[in-house]
Amino acid sequence: MHNDRVEIWHNPRCSKSRAAKTALDAAAPGHTERRYLDDPPTEAELDEVLAKLDRQPWEITRMKEARAKELDLANLPHDRAAWIAVLAANPVLIERPIIITDDGRAVIGRSQEAIDEVL
């Protein structure tokens, strides 16, 4: 495994994200850490990662976040482009951590099993 082939979209304040980063530190030292709240993904990047995840944007949205309630996302029609725009503008709503490999795979690394899938 080439160490430069793994990126984690990381929020250090999240325990699941910290656990995934610790696992990556051991398994893929030298991976890229992207603190996506400080360096939000663009709409194009989100679209690409969603394709790798084989998910729709509403499937990786943190609906319990206060911001989701403020935006009334529960009632937003499932229009892919509109949801991607919302996530790009409000990265706090993106489920974390997301681990991406250069060979076209990605997972939401909330369990060791998910992390193992891409390593």
PDB file of N, CA and C in Angstrom:
ATOM      1  N   MET A   1       0.854  -1.186   0.000  1.00  0.00           N
ATOM      2  CA  MET A   1       0.000   0.000   0.000  1.00  0.00           C
ATOM      3  C   MET A   1       0.889   1.234   0.000  1.00  0.00           C
ATOM      4  N   HIS A   2       0.664   2.112  -0.939  1.00  0.00           N
ATOM      5  CA  HIS A   2       1.427   3.359  -0.994  1.00  0.00           C
ATOM      6  C   HIS A   2       0.794   4.367  -0.045  1.00  0.00           C
ATOM      7  N   ASN A   3       1.595   4.923   0.815  1.00  0.00           N
ATOM      8  CA  ASN A   3       1.075   5.798   1.865  1.00  0.00           C
ATOM      9  C   ASN A   3       0.403   7.053   1.336  1.00  0.00           C
ATOM     10  N   ASP A   4       0.818   7.503   0.157  1.00  0.00           N
ATOM     11  CA  ASP A   4       0.243   8.734  -0.383  1.00  0.00           C
ATOM     12  C   ASP A   4      -1.078   8.470  -1.093  1.00  0.00           C
ATOM     13  N   ARG A   5      -1.588   7.271  -0.998  1.00  0.00           N
ATOM     14  CA  ARG A   5      -2.792   6.912  -1.727  1.00  0.00           C
ATOM     15  C   ARG A   5      -4.039   6.950  -0.859  1.00  0.00           C
ATOM     16  N   VAL A   6      -3.917   7.415   0.371  1.00  0.00           N
ATOM     17  CA  VAL A   6      -5.066   7.436   1.284  1.00  0.00           C
ATOM     18  C   VAL A   6      -5.246   8.849   1.837  1.00  0.00           C
ATOM     19  N   GLU A   7      -6.498   9.316   1.835  1.00  0.00           N
ATOM     20  CA  GLU A   7      -6.827  10.611   2.425  1.00  0.00           C
ATOM     21  C   GLU A   7      -7.985  10.401   3.383  1.00  0.00           C
ATOM     22  N   ILE A   8      -7.934  11.099   4.502  1.00  0.00           N
ATOM     23  CA  ILE A   8      -9.046  11.057   5.456  1.00  0.00           C
ATOM     24  C   ILE A   8      -9.606  12.462   5.603  1.00  0.00           C
ATOM     25  N   TRP A   9     -10.921  12.568   5.455  1.00  0.00           N
ATOM     26  CA  TRP A   9     -11.622  13.815   5.783  1.00  0.00           C
ATOM     27  C   TRP A   9     -11.934  13.709   7.261  1.00  0.00           C
ATOM     28  N   HIS A  10     -11.241  14.514   8.045  1.00  0.00           N
ATOM     29  CA  HIS A  10     -11.134  14.325   9.486  1.00  0.00           C
ATOM     30  C   HIS A  10     -11.659  15.526  10.249  1.00  0.00           C
ATOM     31  N   ASN A  11     -12.360  15.226  11.343  1.00  0.00           N
ATOM     32  CA  ASN A  11     -12.750  16.248  12.312  1.00  0.00           C
ATOM     33  C   ASN A  11     -12.188  15.786  13.654  1.00  0.00           C
ATOM     34  N   PRO A  12     -11.110  16.428  14.141  1.00  0.00           N
ATOM     35  CA  PRO A  12     -10.468  15.963  15.369  1.00  0.00           C
ATOM     36  C   PRO A  12     -11.358  16.047  16.605  1.00  0.00           C
ATOM     37  N   ARG A  13     -12.483  16.736  16.527  1.00  0.00           N
ATOM     38  CA  ARG A  13     -13.390  16.834  17.683  1.00  0.00           C
ATOM     39  C   ARG A  13     -14.335  15.637  17.762  1.00  0.00           C
ATOM     40  N   CYS A  14     -14.329  14.793  16.747  1.00  0.00           N
ATOM     41  CA  CYS A  14     -15.232  13.636  16.678  1.00  0.00           C
ATOM     42  C   CYS A  14     -14.478  12.374  17.094  1.00  0.00           C
ATOM     43  N   SER A  15     -15.033  11.629  18.047  1.00  0.00           N
ATOM     44  CA  SER A  15     -14.351  10.429  18.546  1.00  0.00           C
ATOM     45  C   SER A  15     -14.207   9.367  17.459  1.00  0.00           C
ATOM     46  N   LYS A  16     -15.218   9.177  16.615  1.00  0.00           N
ATOM     47  CA  LYS A  16     -15.126   8.186  15.532  1.00  0.00           C
ATOM     48  C   LYS A  16     -14.043   8.592  14.531  1.00  0.00           C
ATOM     49  N   SER A  17     -13.952   9.887  14.268  1.00  0.00           N
ATOM     50  CA  SER A  17     -12.947  10.383  13.343  1.00  0.00           C
ATOM     51  C   SER A  17     -11.542  10.202  13.935  1.00  0.00           C
ATOM     52  N   ARG A  18     -11.390  10.484  15.212  1.00  0.00           N
ATOM     53  CA  ARG A  18     -10.083  10.287  15.871  1.00  0.00           C
ATOM     54  C   ARG A  18      -9.687   8.814  15.850  1.00  0.00           C
ATOM     55  N   ALA A  19     -10.649   7.922  16.093  1.00  0.00           N
ATOM     56  CA  ALA A  19     -10.351   6.487  16.078  1.00  0.00           C
ATOM     57  C   ALA A  19      -9.899   6.043  14.686  1.00  0.00           C
ATOM     58  N   ALA A  20     -10.561   6.541  13.656  1.00  0.00           N
ATOM     59  CA  ALA A  20     -10.173   6.190  12.287  1.00  0.00           C
ATOM     60  C   ALA A  20      -8.785   6.729  11.968  1.00  0.00           C
ATOM     61  N   LYS A  21      -8.498   7.947  12.412  1.00  0.00           N
ATOM     62  CA  LYS A  21      -7.176   8.531  12.152  1.00  0.00           C
ATOM     63  C   LYS A  21      -6.098   7.708  12.844  1.00  0.00           C
ATOM     64  N   THR A  22      -6.351   7.267  14.062  1.00  0.00           N
ATOM     65  CA  THR A  22      -5.389   6.431  14.788  1.00  0.00           C
ATOM     66  C   THR A  22      -5.136   5.136  14.017  1.00  0.00           C
ATOM     67  N   ALA A  23      -6.206   4.524  13.501  1.00  0.00           N
ATOM     68  CA  ALA A  23      -6.059   3.292  12.715  1.00  0.00           C
ATOM     69  C   ALA A  23      -5.248   3.556  11.450  1.00  0.00           C
ATOM     70  N   LEU A  24      -5.506   4.679  10.794  1.00  0.00           N
ATOM     71  CA  LEU A  24      -4.752   5.018   9.582  1.00  0.00           C
ATOM     72  C   LEU A  24      -3.294   5.324   9.903  1.00  0.00           C
ATOM     73  N   ASP A  25      -3.050   5.993  11.032  1.00  0.00           N
ATOM     74  CA  ASP A  25      -1.671   6.294  11.426  1.00  0.00           C
ATOM     75  C   ASP A  25      -0.852   5.010  11.488  1.00  0.00           C
ATOM     76  N   ALA A  26      -1.486   3.936  11.987  1.00  0.00           N
ATOM     77  CA  ALA A  26      -0.802   2.649  12.124  1.00  0.00           C
ATOM     78  C   ALA A  26      -0.695   1.919  10.785  1.00  0.00           C
ATOM     79  N   ALA A  27      -1.781   1.919  10.021  1.00  0.00           N
ATOM     80  CA  ALA A  27      -1.843   1.098   8.806  1.00  0.00           C
ATOM     81  C   ALA A  27      -1.306   1.796   7.560  1.00  0.00           C
ATOM     82  N   ALA A  28      -1.437   3.102   7.512  1.00  0.00           N
ATOM     83  CA  ALA A  28      -1.028   3.861   6.323  1.00  0.00           C
ATOM     84  C   ALA A  28      -0.344   5.153   6.742  1.00  0.00           C
ATOM     85  N   PRO A  29       0.817   5.027   7.432  1.00  0.00           N
ATOM     86  CA  PRO A  29       1.496   6.251   7.856  1.00  0.00           C
ATOM     87  C   PRO A  29       1.813   7.124   6.643  1.00  0.00           C
ATOM     88  N   GLY A  30       1.677   8.405   6.809  1.00  0.00           N
ATOM     89  CA  GLY A  30       1.928   9.306   5.689  1.00  0.00           C
ATOM     90  C   GLY A  30       0.685   9.617   4.881  1.00  0.00           C
ATOM     91  N   HIS A  31      -0.467   9.103   5.305  1.00  0.00           N
ATOM     92  CA  HIS A  31      -1.713   9.441   4.615  1.00  0.00           C
ATOM     93  C   HIS A  31      -1.966  10.947   4.714  1.00  0.00           C
ATOM     94  N   THR A  32      -2.842  11.431   3.886  1.00  0.00           N
ATOM     95  CA  THR A  32      -3.194  12.848   3.886  1.00  0.00           C
ATOM     96  C   THR A  32      -4.376  13.072   4.813  1.00  0.00           C
ATOM     97  N   GLU A  33      -4.232  14.038   5.692  1.00  0.00           N
ATOM     98  CA  GLU A  33      -5.336  14.414   6.573  1.00  0.00           C
ATOM     99  C   GLU A  33      -5.935  15.722   6.074  1.00  0.00           C
ATOM    100  N   ARG A  34      -7.228  15.699   5.818  1.00  0.00           N
ATOM    101  CA  ARG A  34      -7.921  16.919   5.400  1.00  0.00           C
ATOM    102  C   ARG A  34      -8.938  17.264   6.468  1.00  0.00           C
ATOM    103  N   ARG A  35      -8.700  18.354   7.138  1.00  0.00           N
ATOM    104  CA  ARG A  35      -9.658  18.826   8.141  1.00  0.00           C
ATOM    105  C   ARG A  35     -10.752  19.571   7.385  1.00  0.00           C
ATOM    106  N   TYR A  36     -11.759  18.809   7.010  1.00  0.00           N
ATOM    107  CA  TYR A  36     -12.744  19.286   6.041  1.00  0.00           C
ATOM    108  C   TYR A  36     -13.594  20.441   6.557  1.00  0.00           C
ATOM    109  N   LEU A  37     -13.613  20.686   7.868  1.00  0.00           N
ATOM    110  CA  LEU A  37     -14.342  21.859   8.356  1.00  0.00           C
ATOM    111  C   LEU A  37     -13.561  23.134   8.058  1.00  0.00           C
ATOM    112  N   ASP A  38     -12.218  23.019   8.068  1.00  0.00           N
ATOM    113  CA  ASP A  38     -11.355  24.168   7.759  1.00  0.00           C
ATOM    114  C   ASP A  38     -11.083  24.274   6.260  1.00  0.00           C
ATOM    115  N   ASP A  39     -11.130  23.148   5.567  1.00  0.00           N
ATOM    116  CA  ASP A  39     -10.830  23.065   4.133  1.00  0.00           C
ATOM    117  C   ASP A  39     -11.965  22.289   3.470  1.00  0.00           C
ATOM    118  N   PRO A  40     -13.151  22.917   3.354  1.00  0.00           N
ATOM    119  CA  PRO A  40     -14.334  22.193   2.871  1.00  0.00           C
ATOM    120  C   PRO A  40     -14.164  21.700   1.438  1.00  0.00           C
ATOM    121  N   PRO A  41     -14.729  20.535   1.153  1.00  0.00           N
ATOM    122  CA  PRO A  41     -14.690  20.038  -0.220  1.00  0.00           C
ATOM    123  C   PRO A  41     -15.582  20.882  -1.123  1.00  0.00           C
ATOM    124  N   THR A  42     -15.185  20.956  -2.386  1.00  0.00           N
ATOM    125  CA  THR A  42     -16.009  21.647  -3.386  1.00  0.00           C
ATOM    126  C   THR A  42     -17.168  20.734  -3.781  1.00  0.00           C
ATOM    127  N   GLU A  43     -18.109  21.301  -4.508  1.00  0.00           N
ATOM    128  CA  GLU A  43     -19.220  20.490  -5.005  1.00  0.00           C
ATOM    129  C   GLU A  43     -18.692  19.366  -5.895  1.00  0.00           C
ATOM    130  N   ALA A  44     -17.697  19.663  -6.734  1.00  0.00           N
ATOM    131  CA  ALA A  44     -17.129  18.640  -7.621  1.00  0.00           C
ATOM    132  C   ALA A  44     -16.461  17.526  -6.812  1.00  0.00           C
ATOM    133  N   GLU A  45     -15.732  17.896  -5.762  1.00  0.00           N
ATOM    134  CA  GLU A  45     -15.086  16.884  -4.919  1.00  0.00           C
ATOM    135  C   GLU A  45     -16.130  16.018  -4.215  1.00  0.00           C
ATOM    136  N   LEU A  46     -17.179  16.643  -3.718  1.00  0.00           N
ATOM    137  CA  LEU A  46     -18.247  15.881  -3.067  1.00  0.00           C
ATOM    138  C   LEU A  46     -18.909  14.914  -4.044  1.00  0.00           C
ATOM    139  N   ASP A  47     -19.166  15.390  -5.248  1.00  0.00           N
ATOM    140  CA  ASP A  47     -19.782  14.540  -6.262  1.00  0.00           C
ATOM    141  C   ASP A  47     -18.897  13.326  -6.539  1.00  0.00           C
ATOM    142  N   GLU A  48     -17.596  13.548  -6.657  1.00  0.00           N
ATOM    143  CA  GLU A  48     -16.650  12.469  -6.923  1.00  0.00           C
ATOM    144  C   GLU A  48     -16.595  11.472  -5.760  1.00  0.00           C
ATOM    145  N   VAL A  49     -16.542  11.984  -4.539  1.00  0.00           N
ATOM    146  CA  VAL A  49     -16.479  11.106  -3.370  1.00  0.00           C
ATOM    147  C   VAL A  49     -17.788  10.335  -3.199  1.00  0.00           C
ATOM    148  N   LEU A  50     -18.908  10.975  -3.456  1.00  0.00           N
ATOM    149  CA  LEU A  50     -20.193  10.266  -3.389  1.00  0.00           C
ATOM    150  C   LEU A  50     -20.231   9.110  -4.388  1.00  0.00           C
ATOM    151  N   ALA A  51     -19.667   9.324  -5.577  1.00  0.00           N
ATOM    152  CA  ALA A  51     -19.614   8.240  -6.570  1.00  0.00           C
ATOM    153  C   ALA A  51     -18.752   7.091  -6.042  1.00  0.00           C
ATOM    154  N   LYS A  52     -17.617   7.421  -5.414  1.00  0.00           N
ATOM    155  CA  LYS A  52     -16.746   6.378  -4.854  1.00  0.00           C
ATOM    156  C   LYS A  52     -17.430   5.645  -3.706  1.00  0.00           C
ATOM    157  N   LEU A  53     -18.215   6.369  -2.925  1.00  0.00           N
ATOM    158  CA  LEU A  53     -18.945   5.769  -1.806  1.00  0.00           C
ATOM    159  C   LEU A  53     -20.172   4.984  -2.284  1.00  0.00           C
ATOM    160  N   ASP A  54     -20.606   5.263  -3.513  1.00  0.00           N
ATOM    161  CA  ASP A  54     -21.855   4.719  -4.045  1.00  0.00           C
ATOM    162  C   ASP A  54     -23.029   5.117  -3.148  1.00  0.00           C
ATOM    163  N   ARG A  55     -23.046   6.408  -2.816  1.00  0.00           N
ATOM    164  CA  ARG A  55     -24.090   6.963  -1.948  1.00  0.00           C
ATOM    165  C   ARG A  55     -24.640   8.239  -2.569  1.00  0.00           C
ATOM    166  N   GLN A  56     -25.804   8.617  -2.078  1.00  0.00           N
ATOM    167  CA  GLN A  56     -26.412   9.896  -2.435  1.00  0.00           C
ATOM    168  C   GLN A  56     -26.066  10.888  -1.316  1.00  0.00           C
ATOM    169  N   PRO A  57     -26.089  12.185  -1.608  1.00  0.00           N
ATOM    170  CA  PRO A  57     -25.678  13.165  -0.593  1.00  0.00           C
ATOM    171  C   PRO A  57     -26.517  13.111   0.682  1.00  0.00           C
ATOM    172  N   TRP A  58     -27.817  12.839   0.544  1.00  0.00           N
ATOM    173  CA  TRP A  58     -28.662  12.780   1.750  1.00  0.00           C
ATOM    174  C   TRP A  58     -28.312  11.573   2.614  1.00  0.00           C
ATOM    175  N   GLU A  59     -27.602  10.591   2.038  1.00  0.00           N
ATOM    176  CA  GLU A  59     -27.206   9.405   2.798  1.00  0.00           C
ATOM    177  C   GLU A  59     -25.958   9.641   3.643  1.00  0.00           C
ATOM    178  N   ILE A  60     -25.237  10.734   3.369  1.00  0.00           N
ATOM    179  CA  ILE A  60     -24.045  11.044   4.177  1.00  0.00           C
ATOM    180  C   ILE A  60     -24.221  12.362   4.933  1.00  0.00           C
ATOM    181  N   THR A  61     -25.462  12.762   5.103  1.00  0.00           N
ATOM    182  CA  THR A  61     -25.767  14.018   5.796  1.00  0.00           C
ATOM    183  C   THR A  61     -26.099  13.738   7.255  1.00  0.00           C
ATOM    184  N   ARG A  62     -25.479  14.511   8.130  1.00  0.00           N
ATOM    185  CA  ARG A  62     -25.719  14.395   9.571  1.00  0.00           C
ATOM    186  C   ARG A  62     -27.011  15.139   9.901  1.00  0.00           C
ATOM    187  N   MET A  63     -28.114  14.415   9.838  1.00  0.00           N
ATOM    188  CA  MET A  63     -29.434  15.030   9.984  1.00  0.00           C
ATOM    189  C   MET A  63     -29.719  15.505  11.412  1.00  0.00           C
ATOM    190  N   LYS A  64     -28.964  15.022  12.388  1.00  0.00           N
ATOM    191  CA  LYS A  64     -29.200  15.438  13.771  1.00  0.00           C
ATOM    192  C   LYS A  64     -28.464  16.730  14.137  1.00  0.00           C
ATOM    193  N   GLU A  65     -27.613  17.213  13.228  1.00  0.00           N
ATOM    194  CA  GLU A  65     -26.921  18.480  13.483  1.00  0.00           C
ATOM    195  C   GLU A  65     -27.942  19.620  13.542  1.00  0.00           C
ATOM    196  N   ALA A  66     -27.675  20.587  14.406  1.00  0.00           N
ATOM    197  CA  ALA A  66     -28.552  21.753  14.510  1.00  0.00           C
ATOM    198  C   ALA A  66     -28.711  22.438  13.152  1.00  0.00           C
ATOM    199  N   ARG A  67     -27.630  22.489  12.372  1.00  0.00           N
ATOM    200  CA  ARG A  67     -27.676  23.154  11.069  1.00  0.00           C
ATOM    201  C   ARG A  67     -28.674  22.454  10.127  1.00  0.00           C
ATOM    202  N   ALA A  68     -28.767  21.137  10.209  1.00  0.00           N
ATOM    203  CA  ALA A  68     -29.724  20.400   9.364  1.00  0.00           C
ATOM    204  C   ALA A  68     -31.148  20.810   9.709  1.00  0.00           C
ATOM    205  N   LYS A  69     -31.402  20.997  10.994  1.00  0.00           N
ATOM    206  CA  LYS A  69     -32.735  21.417  11.413  1.00  0.00           C
ATOM    207  C   LYS A  69     -33.013  22.856  10.974  1.00  0.00           C
ATOM    208  N   GLU A  70     -31.988  23.725  11.114  1.00  0.00           N
ATOM    209  CA  GLU A  70     -32.143  25.126  10.687  1.00  0.00           C
ATOM    210  C   GLU A  70     -32.489  25.203   9.206  1.00  0.00           C
ATOM    211  N   LEU A  71     -31.858  24.350   8.402  1.00  0.00           N
ATOM    212  CA  LEU A  71     -32.081  24.349   6.955  1.00  0.00           C
ATOM    213  C   LEU A  71     -33.310  23.525   6.547  1.00  0.00           C
ATOM    214  N   ASP A  72     -33.961  22.897   7.535  1.00  0.00           N
ATOM    215  CA  ASP A  72     -35.136  22.061   7.286  1.00  0.00           C
ATOM    216  C   ASP A  72     -34.840  20.987   6.232  1.00  0.00           C
ATOM    217  N   LEU A  73     -33.684  20.347   6.378  1.00  0.00           N
ATOM    218  CA  LEU A  73     -33.274  19.347   5.391  1.00  0.00           C
ATOM    219  C   LEU A  73     -34.206  18.145   5.339  1.00  0.00           C
ATOM    220  N   ALA A  74     -34.889  17.855   6.416  1.00  0.00           N
ATOM    221  CA  ALA A  74     -35.820  16.726   6.410  1.00  0.00           C
ATOM    222  C   ALA A  74     -36.884  16.899   5.328  1.00  0.00           C
ATOM    223  N   ASN A  75     -37.151  18.147   4.951  1.00  0.00           N
ATOM    224  CA  ASN A  75     -38.171  18.423   3.941  1.00  0.00           C
ATOM    225  C   ASN A  75     -37.597  18.850   2.594  1.00  0.00           C
ATOM    226  N   LEU A  76     -36.264  18.791   2.446  1.00  0.00           N
ATOM    227  CA  LEU A  76     -35.651  19.153   1.162  1.00  0.00           C
ATOM    228  C   LEU A  76     -35.801  17.982   0.192  1.00  0.00           C
ATOM    229  N   PRO A  77     -36.388  18.228  -0.988  1.00  0.00           N
ATOM    230  CA  PRO A  77     -36.518  17.143  -1.974  1.00  0.00           C
ATOM    231  C   PRO A  77     -35.146  16.529  -2.298  1.00  0.00           C
ATOM    232  N   HIS A  78     -35.135  15.258  -2.626  1.00  0.00           N
ATOM    233  CA  HIS A  78     -33.892  14.554  -2.921  1.00  0.00           C
ATOM    234  C   HIS A  78     -33.402  14.883  -4.331  1.00  0.00           C
ATOM    235  N   ASP A  79     -32.876  16.085  -4.451  1.00  0.00           N
ATOM    236  CA  ASP A  79     -32.263  16.574  -5.682  1.00  0.00           C
ATOM    237  C   ASP A  79     -30.755  16.566  -5.432  1.00  0.00           C
ATOM    238  N   ARG A  80     -30.045  15.683  -6.137  1.00  0.00           N
ATOM    239  CA  ARG A  80     -28.616  15.466  -5.868  1.00  0.00           C
ATOM    240  C   ARG A  80     -27.814  16.775  -5.882  1.00  0.00           C
ATOM    241  N   ALA A  81     -27.975  17.582  -6.914  1.00  0.00           N
ATOM    242  CA  ALA A  81     -27.190  18.816  -7.032  1.00  0.00           C
ATOM    243  C   ALA A  81     -27.484  19.780  -5.888  1.00  0.00           C
ATOM    244  N   ALA A  82     -28.752  19.890  -5.514  1.00  0.00           N
ATOM    245  CA  ALA A  82     -29.120  20.802  -4.424  1.00  0.00           C
ATOM    246  C   ALA A  82     -28.503  20.341  -3.105  1.00  0.00           C
ATOM    247  N   TRP A  83     -28.546  19.039  -2.842  1.00  0.00           N
ATOM    248  CA  TRP A  83     -27.980  18.518  -1.597  1.00  0.00           C
ATOM    249  C   TRP A  83     -26.459  18.675  -1.574  1.00  0.00           C
ATOM    250  N   ILE A  84     -25.804  18.431  -2.715  1.00  0.00           N
ATOM    251  CA  ILE A  84     -24.346  18.603  -2.780  1.00  0.00           C
ATOM    252  C   ILE A  84     -23.993  20.056  -2.484  1.00  0.00           C
ATOM    253  N   ALA A  85     -24.771  20.987  -3.023  1.00  0.00           N
ATOM    254  CA  ALA A  85     -24.522  22.415  -2.763  1.00  0.00           C
ATOM    255  C   ALA A  85     -24.665  22.721  -1.273  1.00  0.00           C
ATOM    256  N   VAL A  86     -25.678  22.133  -0.626  1.00  0.00           N
ATOM    257  CA  VAL A  86     -25.881  22.346   0.813  1.00  0.00           C
ATOM    258  C   VAL A  86     -24.681  21.800   1.598  1.00  0.00           C
ATOM    259  N   LEU A  87     -24.218  20.605   1.254  1.00  0.00           N
ATOM    260  CA  LEU A  87     -23.081  20.018   1.975  1.00  0.00           C
ATOM    261  C   LEU A  87     -21.806  20.823   1.758  1.00  0.00           C
ATOM    262  N   ALA A  88     -21.591  21.298   0.543  1.00  0.00           N
ATOM    263  CA  ALA A  88     -20.390  22.100   0.270  1.00  0.00           C
ATOM    264  C   ALA A  88     -20.411  23.398   1.071  1.00  0.00           C
ATOM    265  N   ALA A  89     -21.601  23.985   1.217  1.00  0.00           N
ATOM    266  CA  ALA A  89     -21.735  25.250   1.946  1.00  0.00           C
ATOM    267  C   ALA A  89     -21.756  25.049   3.461  1.00  0.00           C
ATOM    268  N   ASN A  90     -22.053  23.823   3.905  1.00  0.00           N
ATOM    269  CA  ASN A  90     -22.195  23.515   5.336  1.00  0.00           C
ATOM    270  C   ASN A  90     -21.472  22.202   5.652  1.00  0.00           C
ATOM    271  N   PRO A  91     -20.138  22.204   5.620  1.00  0.00           N
ATOM    272  CA  PRO A  91     -19.410  20.935   5.766  1.00  0.00           C
ATOM    273  C   PRO A  91     -19.655  20.225   7.097  1.00  0.00           C
ATOM    274  N   VAL A  92     -20.147  20.938   8.100  1.00  0.00           N
ATOM    275  CA  VAL A  92     -20.463  20.296   9.384  1.00  0.00           C
ATOM    276  C   VAL A  92     -21.510  19.193   9.199  1.00  0.00           C
ATOM    277  N   LEU A  93     -22.260  19.255   8.106  1.00  0.00           N
ATOM    278  CA  LEU A  93     -23.312  18.273   7.850  1.00  0.00           C
ATOM    279  C   LEU A  93     -22.798  16.971   7.233  1.00  0.00           C
ATOM    280  N   ILE A  94     -21.530  16.944   6.820  1.00  0.00           N
ATOM    281  CA  ILE A  94     -20.977  15.760   6.154  1.00  0.00           C
ATOM    282  C   ILE A  94     -20.612  14.712   7.201  1.00  0.00           C
ATOM    283  N   GLU A  95     -21.102  13.489   6.997  1.00  0.00           N
ATOM    284  CA  GLU A  95     -20.754  12.378   7.887  1.00  0.00           C
ATOM    285  C   GLU A  95     -19.241  12.195   7.879  1.00  0.00           C
ATOM    286  N   ARG A  96     -18.718  11.792   9.004  1.00  0.00           N
ATOM    287  CA  ARG A  96     -17.273  11.673   9.138  1.00  0.00           C
ATOM    288  C   ARG A  96     -16.913  10.408   9.887  1.00  0.00           C
ATOM    289  N   PRO A  97     -15.690   9.988   9.718  1.00  0.00           N
ATOM    290  CA  PRO A  97     -14.688  10.418   8.737  1.00  0.00           C
ATOM    291  C   PRO A  97     -14.911   9.697   7.410  1.00  0.00           C
ATOM    292  N   ILE A  98     -14.477  10.326   6.335  1.00  0.00           N
ATOM    293  CA  ILE A  98     -14.501   9.673   5.029  1.00  0.00           C
ATOM    294  C   ILE A  98     -13.058   9.373   4.651  1.00  0.00           C
ATOM    295  N   ILE A  99     -12.816   8.124   4.288  1.00  0.00           N
ATOM    296  CA  ILE A  99     -11.477   7.692   3.885  1.00  0.00           C
ATOM    297  C   ILE A  99     -11.540   7.375   2.398  1.00  0.00           C
ATOM    298  N   ILE A 100     -10.601   7.977   1.650  1.00  0.00           N
ATOM    299  CA  ILE A 100     -10.612   7.901   0.189  1.00  0.00           C
ATOM    300  C   ILE A 100      -9.265   7.361  -0.281  1.00  0.00           C
ATOM    301  N   THR A 101      -9.306   6.450  -1.257  1.00  0.00           N
ATOM    302  CA  THR A 101      -8.068   5.950  -1.842  1.00  0.00           C
ATOM    303  C   THR A 101      -7.979   6.400  -3.296  1.00  0.00           C
ATOM    304  N   ASP A 102      -6.749   6.498  -3.788  1.00  0.00           N
ATOM    305  CA  ASP A 102      -6.545   6.924  -5.171  1.00  0.00           C
ATOM    306  C   ASP A 102      -7.033   5.896  -6.186  1.00  0.00           C
ATOM    307  N   ASP A 103      -7.262   4.660  -5.746  1.00  0.00           N
ATOM    308  CA  ASP A 103      -7.706   3.638  -6.699  1.00  0.00           C
ATOM    309  C   ASP A 103      -9.230   3.596  -6.830  1.00  0.00           C
ATOM    310  N   GLY A 104      -9.896   4.644  -6.340  1.00  0.00           N
ATOM    311  CA  GLY A 104     -11.323   4.779  -6.605  1.00  0.00           C
ATOM    312  C   GLY A 104     -12.251   4.276  -5.525  1.00  0.00           C
ATOM    313  N   ARG A 105     -11.718   3.947  -4.353  1.00  0.00           N
ATOM    314  CA  ARG A 105     -12.569   3.461  -3.275  1.00  0.00           C
ATOM    315  C   ARG A 105     -12.704   4.522  -2.196  1.00  0.00           C
ATOM    316  N   ALA A 106     -13.797   4.440  -1.451  1.00  0.00           N
ATOM    317  CA  ALA A 106     -14.008   5.335  -0.310  1.00  0.00           C
ATOM    318  C   ALA A 106     -14.963   4.644   0.650  1.00  0.00           C
ATOM    319  N   VAL A 107     -14.808   4.953   1.925  1.00  0.00           N
ATOM    320  CA  VAL A 107     -15.721   4.456   2.953  1.00  0.00           C
ATOM    321  C   VAL A 107     -15.945   5.551   3.978  1.00  0.00           C
ATOM    322  N   ILE A 108     -17.058   5.430   4.671  1.00  0.00           N
ATOM    323  CA  ILE A 108     -17.254   6.231   5.873  1.00  0.00           C
ATOM    324  C   ILE A 108     -16.680   5.381   6.993  1.00  0.00           C
ATOM    325  N   GLY A 109     -15.578   5.830   7.563  1.00  0.00           N
ATOM    326  CA  GLY A 109     -14.788   5.019   8.488  1.00  0.00           C
ATOM    327  C   GLY A 109     -15.249   5.091   9.928  1.00  0.00           C
ATOM    328  N   ARG A 110     -16.502   4.756  10.167  1.00  0.00           N
ATOM    329  CA  ARG A 110     -17.029   4.808  11.521  1.00  0.00           C
ATOM    330  C   ARG A 110     -16.854   3.489  12.258  1.00  0.00           C
ATOM    331  N   SER A 111     -16.315   2.472  11.582  1.00  0.00           N
ATOM    332  CA  SER A 111     -16.023   1.208  12.244  1.00  0.00           C
ATOM    333  C   SER A 111     -14.683   0.691  11.729  1.00  0.00           C
ATOM    334  N   GLN A 112     -14.054  -0.178  12.509  1.00  0.00           N
ATOM    335  CA  GLN A 112     -12.785  -0.767  12.087  1.00  0.00           C
ATOM    336  C   GLN A 112     -12.997  -1.593  10.823  1.00  0.00           C
ATOM    337  N   GLU A 113     -14.147  -2.246  10.704  1.00  0.00           N
ATOM    338  CA  GLU A 113     -14.440  -3.048   9.510  1.00  0.00           C
ATOM    339  C   GLU A 113     -14.439  -2.176   8.253  1.00  0.00           C
ATOM    340  N   ALA A 114     -15.058  -1.015   8.342  1.00  0.00           N
ATOM    341  CA  ALA A 114     -15.099  -0.103   7.196  1.00  0.00           C
ATOM    342  C   ALA A 114     -13.694   0.359   6.826  1.00  0.00           C
ATOM    343  N   ILE A 115     -12.899   0.676   7.847  1.00  0.00           N
ATOM    344  CA  ILE A 115     -11.521   1.138   7.606  1.00  0.00           C
ATOM    345  C   ILE A 115     -10.721   0.005   6.949  1.00  0.00           C
ATOM    346  N   ASP A 116     -10.892  -1.211   7.440  1.00  0.00           N
ATOM    347  CA  ASP A 116     -10.169  -2.347   6.880  1.00  0.00           C
ATOM    348  C   ASP A 116     -10.515  -2.579   5.421  1.00  0.00           C
ATOM    349  N   GLU A 117     -11.741  -2.217   5.028  1.00  0.00           N
ATOM    350  CA  GLU A 117     -12.169  -2.401   3.640  1.00  0.00           C
ATOM    351  C   GLU A 117     -11.267  -1.682   2.649  1.00  0.00           C
ATOM    352  N   VAL A 118     -10.757  -0.519   3.028  1.00  0.00           N
ATOM    353  CA  VAL A 118      -9.970   0.268   2.081  1.00  0.00           C
ATOM    354  C   VAL A 118      -8.462   0.127   2.283  1.00  0.00           C
ATOM    355  N   LEU A 119      -8.048  -0.542   3.329  1.00  0.00           N
ATOM    356  CA  LEU A 119      -6.606  -0.660   3.587  1.00  0.00           C
ATOM    357  C   LEU A 119      -6.050  -2.006   3.147  1.00  0.00           C
TER     358      LEU A 119
END
